[in-house]
Amino acid sequence: MRLVRLQHEGTAHWGQIEGETVHLTRGVGGERTGEAVLLGGAALLAPAEPTKIVCVGRNYLDHIRELGNDTGDLPKEPGIFLKGPNALAEPGGTVAYPSWTSNFHFEGELALVIGRRARNLTAEDAPSAVAGYTCGLDLTARDLQKTDLQWFRAKAADRFCPLGPWLETEFDPRDVRVQTRVNGEIRQDGRTSHMIFNVVDILTYLSRFVTLEPGDVVLTGTPEGVGPLQRGDTVEVEVEGIGVLTTPIGA
């Protein structure tokens, strides 16, 4: 099932996609209200209402190598950083090129949204904590990532986390293709089977330290091929079995 969040008559709603129709629901995966809208004309929103966005860095070996961080052993634990809810951007929405960076990068990723309160998850119950999977774009001011004490400006600025277009609830994340295109040109092309820490590893690790709340977002890391964006570019992140997240980069 595909769950979508959209703007309808001035209010945010959740819905279930059935063909080209969105049936509005009472909350995420809730009962249908009886109202329906056409998917093609719907104003989609980021399919999450998080208290936090938890991101895994350096989770693909080839990406570690391309950034010059492969001087030692592989990470023994997931590397974690945070974005706030302010970073969310809707599918198809334009993200302005920040005036305060000269090296603005794309990082396409598989993302997931938490469906229930979760703490100290085991490998057996971790998958059931996920409401659904989607496409994520971890936008990064690479120059500030190298100079700042923490990655707050570099990773967590407004609209630095486009997400969507919807949640796919019936999804096996273990070996799917994650591809990023800029202006139609393939720039990243990896598979989740190449992640150092898989989805279950990530969720069991995170939930040892923080309580994951319904609506929270987890980004699982990016394959190799990251690079700079220019004003006027269009980024597409496609996750096999889910769909395509499109993000134009504005002035």
Protein backbone atom coordinates (compact mmCIF):
# COMPACT_ATOMS: atom_id res chain seq x y z
CA MET A 1 0.00 0.00 0.00
CA ARG A 2 1.15 3.53 -0.74
CA LEU A 3 0.40 6.22 1.84
CA VAL A 4 0.59 9.86 0.84
CA ARG A 5 0.38 13.18 2.66
CA LEU A 6 -1.18 16.08 0.78
CA GLN A 7 -2.71 19.52 1.05
CA HIS A 8 -6.48 19.50 0.61
CA GLU A 9 -8.73 22.52 1.11
CA GLY A 10 -6.02 24.29 3.08
CA THR A 11 -5.32 21.40 5.47
CA ALA A 12 -2.77 18.58 5.54
CA HIS A 13 -4.30 15.12 5.13
CA TRP A 14 -3.09 11.54 4.84
CA GLY A 15 -4.44 9.23 2.18
CA GLN A 16 -4.16 5.84 0.53
CA ILE A 17 -3.30 5.66 -3.16
CA GLU A 18 -5.48 3.40 -5.26
CA GLY A 19 -4.71 3.70 -8.95
CA GLU A 20 -4.92 7.40 -9.77
CA THR A 21 -7.13 8.16 -6.76
CA VAL A 22 -6.16 9.19 -3.22
CA HIS A 23 -8.66 8.13 -0.55
CA LEU A 24 -8.29 10.46 2.42
CA THR A 25 -7.79 8.75 5.78
CA ARG A 26 -7.88 9.58 9.46
CA GLY A 27 -4.16 9.72 10.07
CA VAL A 28 -1.41 7.48 8.70
CA GLY A 29 -3.00 4.27 7.45
CA GLY A 30 -6.26 5.05 9.27
CA GLU A 31 -9.84 4.55 8.19
CA ARG A 32 -10.98 6.25 5.01
CA THR A 33 -13.04 9.38 5.50
CA GLY A 34 -15.08 8.90 2.34
CA GLU A 35 -13.40 11.82 0.56
CA ALA A 36 -11.16 11.25 -2.45
CA VAL A 37 -9.01 13.37 -4.75
CA LEU A 38 -7.10 12.71 -7.96
CA LEU A 39 -3.44 11.93 -7.39
CA GLY A 40 -2.37 13.87 -10.48
CA GLY A 41 -3.75 17.15 -9.20
CA ALA A 42 -2.82 16.72 -5.53
CA ALA A 43 -0.38 19.05 -3.78
CA LEU A 44 1.88 16.48 -2.14
CA LEU A 45 3.62 17.10 1.18
CA ALA A 46 6.59 15.32 2.72
CA PRO A 47 5.14 11.98 3.92
CA ALA A 48 6.17 12.35 7.56
CA GLU A 49 5.46 14.42 10.67
CA PRO A 50 8.66 13.89 12.63
CA THR A 51 9.95 15.02 15.98
CA LYS A 52 13.42 14.36 14.55
CA ILE A 53 15.20 13.20 11.40
CA VAL A 54 18.01 10.77 12.16
CA CYS A 55 20.64 10.33 9.45
CA VAL A 56 23.32 7.70 8.99
CA GLY A 57 26.58 8.95 7.49
CA ARG A 58 29.25 6.95 5.68
CA ASN A 59 27.20 3.78 5.31
CA TYR A 60 28.48 2.74 1.87
CA LEU A 61 32.17 1.80 1.50
CA ASP A 62 32.57 3.41 -1.92
CA HIS A 63 31.13 6.68 -0.57
CA ILE A 64 33.63 6.58 2.31
CA ARG A 65 36.41 6.15 -0.23
CA GLU A 66 35.28 8.98 -2.49
CA LEU A 67 35.37 11.41 0.47
CA GLY A 68 38.84 10.24 1.48
CA ASN A 69 37.74 8.75 4.79
CA ASP A 70 38.96 5.18 4.23
CA THR A 71 42.26 5.53 6.04
CA GLY A 72 41.32 3.05 8.79
CA ASP A 73 39.01 0.15 9.48
CA LEU A 74 35.37 0.14 8.50
CA PRO A 75 33.01 1.81 10.99
CA LYS A 76 32.04 -0.51 13.83
CA GLU A 77 28.92 1.52 14.64
CA PRO A 78 26.63 3.67 12.48
CA GLY A 79 27.69 7.32 12.32
CA ILE A 80 24.69 9.40 13.32
CA PHE A 81 23.71 13.04 12.85
CA LEU A 82 20.41 14.89 13.11
CA LYS A 83 18.23 17.17 11.05
CA GLY A 84 15.22 18.97 12.49
CA PRO A 85 11.67 18.96 11.12
CA ASN A 86 12.51 22.38 9.62
CA ALA A 87 14.66 20.54 7.06
CA LEU A 88 11.74 18.74 5.43
CA ALA A 89 10.76 19.74 1.90
CA GLU A 90 7.87 18.43 -0.16
CA PRO A 91 8.26 16.28 -3.29
CA GLY A 92 8.51 18.48 -6.35
CA GLY A 93 9.17 21.58 -4.27
CA THR A 94 11.98 23.94 -5.20
CA VAL A 95 14.92 24.28 -2.82
CA ALA A 96 16.74 27.58 -3.15
CA TYR A 97 20.50 27.43 -3.58
CA PRO A 98 21.80 28.84 -0.26
CA SER A 99 23.64 32.13 -0.54
CA TRP A 100 26.04 31.11 2.23
CA THR A 101 27.62 28.08 0.56
CA SER A 102 29.65 27.65 -2.59
CA ASN A 103 29.63 23.83 -2.58
CA PHE A 104 26.06 22.54 -2.37
CA HIS A 105 25.87 18.73 -2.74
CA PHE A 106 23.20 16.08 -3.38
CA GLU A 107 23.04 12.75 -1.53
CA GLY A 108 20.22 10.42 -2.57
CA GLU A 109 19.08 7.84 -0.02
CA LEU A 110 16.54 5.26 1.04
CA ALA A 111 14.50 6.73 3.90
CA LEU A 112 12.00 5.23 6.29
CA VAL A 113 9.31 6.62 8.57
CA ILE A 114 8.63 5.20 12.02
CA GLY A 115 5.10 3.93 12.66
CA ARG A 116 5.05 3.30 16.42
CA ARG A 117 6.90 4.34 19.53
CA ALA A 118 10.07 2.27 19.65
CA ARG A 119 12.83 1.81 22.21
CA ASN A 120 15.40 -1.01 22.52
CA LEU A 121 14.23 -2.73 19.36
CA THR A 122 15.41 -6.27 18.65
CA ALA A 123 16.30 -7.59 15.22
CA GLU A 124 13.02 -9.50 15.20
CA ASP A 125 10.70 -6.57 15.97
CA ALA A 126 12.59 -3.74 14.21
CA PRO A 127 10.83 -4.14 10.83
CA SER A 128 7.40 -3.84 12.46
CA ALA A 129 8.34 -0.38 13.79
CA VAL A 130 8.44 1.02 10.24
CA ALA A 131 5.31 2.64 8.80
CA GLY A 132 6.79 2.78 5.32
CA TYR A 133 9.74 3.56 3.09
CA THR A 134 10.37 6.50 0.77
CA CYS A 135 13.03 8.45 -1.12
CA GLY A 136 15.19 11.02 0.65
CA LEU A 137 17.60 13.73 -0.46
CA ASP A 138 20.25 14.73 2.07
CA LEU A 139 21.31 18.18 0.84
CA THR A 140 24.70 19.25 2.17
CA ALA A 141 26.76 22.42 2.26
CA ARG A 142 30.03 20.52 1.83
CA ASP A 143 32.31 23.48 2.50
CA LEU A 144 30.65 24.17 5.88
CA GLN A 145 30.65 20.49 6.75
CA LYS A 146 34.43 20.71 6.71
CA THR A 147 34.76 23.95 8.68
CA ASP A 148 32.03 23.92 11.35
CA LEU A 149 32.29 22.31 14.78
CA GLN A 150 29.12 20.31 14.05
CA TRP A 151 27.11 19.71 10.88
CA PHE A 152 24.14 21.88 11.86
CA ARG A 153 24.45 24.46 9.08
CA ALA A 154 25.84 21.96 6.58
CA LYS A 155 23.06 19.40 6.96
CA ALA A 156 20.10 20.76 8.95
CA ALA A 157 19.23 24.09 7.35
CA ASP A 158 15.69 24.80 6.17
CA ARG A 159 14.51 22.49 3.33
CA PHE A 160 17.71 20.42 3.36
CA CYS A 161 15.72 17.16 3.46
CA PRO A 162 13.28 16.69 0.56
CA LEU A 163 11.25 13.53 1.15
CA GLY A 164 8.70 11.57 -0.86
CA PRO A 165 6.73 11.16 -2.96
CA TRP A 166 4.87 8.69 -0.68
CA LEU A 167 5.37 5.83 1.76
CA GLU A 168 5.51 2.28 0.46
CA THR A 169 4.33 -0.08 3.22
CA GLU A 170 4.98 -3.42 1.49
CA PHE A 171 8.70 -3.16 0.87
CA ASP A 172 11.83 -5.23 1.42
CA PRO A 173 14.78 -2.83 1.89
CA ARG A 174 17.56 -5.42 1.83
CA ASP A 175 18.59 -5.23 -1.84
CA VAL A 176 17.08 -2.43 -3.90
CA ARG A 177 18.56 0.07 -6.32
CA VAL A 178 19.10 3.67 -5.18
CA GLN A 179 19.78 6.05 -8.05
CA THR A 180 20.29 9.82 -8.19
CA ARG A 181 20.05 11.79 -11.43
CA VAL A 182 20.93 15.44 -12.00
CA ASN A 183 19.31 16.95 -15.10
CA GLY A 184 18.62 13.39 -16.29
CA GLU A 185 22.24 12.24 -15.93
CA ILE A 186 22.89 9.32 -13.56
CA ARG A 187 25.23 10.45 -10.81
CA GLN A 188 24.67 7.81 -8.12
CA ASP A 189 23.73 4.20 -8.72
CA GLY A 190 23.99 1.83 -5.77
CA ARG A 191 22.17 -0.97 -4.00
CA THR A 192 21.11 -1.17 -0.37
CA SER A 193 22.79 -4.58 -0.14
CA HIS A 194 26.07 -2.63 -0.18
CA MET A 195 25.25 -0.76 3.02
CA ILE A 196 27.64 -1.42 5.88
CA PHE A 197 24.73 -1.30 8.35
CA ASN A 198 21.35 -2.47 7.08
CA VAL A 199 17.95 -1.15 8.16
CA VAL A 200 17.62 -3.59 11.06
CA ASP A 201 21.14 -2.76 12.28
CA ILE A 202 20.33 0.95 12.17
CA LEU A 203 17.02 0.70 14.01
CA THR A 204 18.29 -1.56 16.77
CA TYR A 205 21.30 0.72 17.26
CA LEU A 206 19.35 3.99 17.30
CA SER A 207 16.65 2.74 19.64
CA ARG A 208 19.24 1.92 22.30
CA PHE A 209 19.87 5.63 22.81
CA VAL A 210 16.73 7.49 21.74
CA THR A 211 13.04 6.73 21.65
CA LEU A 212 11.84 6.72 18.06
CA GLU A 213 8.42 8.35 17.83
CA PRO A 214 5.71 7.80 15.21
CA GLY A 215 6.49 10.03 12.24
CA ASP A 216 10.24 10.19 12.86
CA VAL A 217 12.40 9.85 9.75
CA VAL A 218 15.54 7.77 9.35
CA LEU A 219 17.88 8.28 6.38
CA THR A 220 20.07 5.24 5.76
CA GLY A 221 23.11 6.69 3.99
CA THR A 222 24.12 7.49 0.43
CA PRO A 223 26.02 5.53 -2.26
CA GLU A 224 29.08 6.88 -4.02
CA GLY A 225 28.81 9.60 -6.64
CA VAL A 226 27.85 12.64 -4.57
CA GLY A 227 28.69 15.96 -6.13
CA PRO A 228 27.90 19.66 -6.45
CA LEU A 229 24.68 21.21 -7.64
CA GLN A 230 24.19 24.39 -9.63
CA ARG A 231 21.32 26.86 -9.67
CA GLY A 232 18.66 25.60 -12.06
CA ASP A 233 19.52 21.91 -11.67
CA THR A 234 16.85 19.26 -11.12
CA VAL A 235 17.64 16.33 -8.85
CA GLU A 236 15.77 13.02 -9.03
CA VAL A 237 16.19 10.32 -6.39
CA GLU A 238 14.69 6.99 -7.41
CA VAL A 239 14.41 4.00 -5.10
CA GLU A 240 13.45 0.77 -6.81
CA GLY A 241 9.94 -0.29 -5.87
CA ILE A 242 8.99 3.10 -4.41
CA GLY A 243 9.12 5.91 -6.96
CA VAL A 244 10.93 9.13 -7.80
CA LEU A 245 11.51 12.19 -5.64
CA THR A 246 12.07 15.30 -7.79
CA THR A 247 13.70 18.45 -6.40
CA PRO A 248 14.42 21.55 -8.53
CA ILE A 249 17.25 23.76 -7.26
CA GLY A 250 16.32 27.41 -7.44
CA ALA A 251 18.27 30.65 -7.35
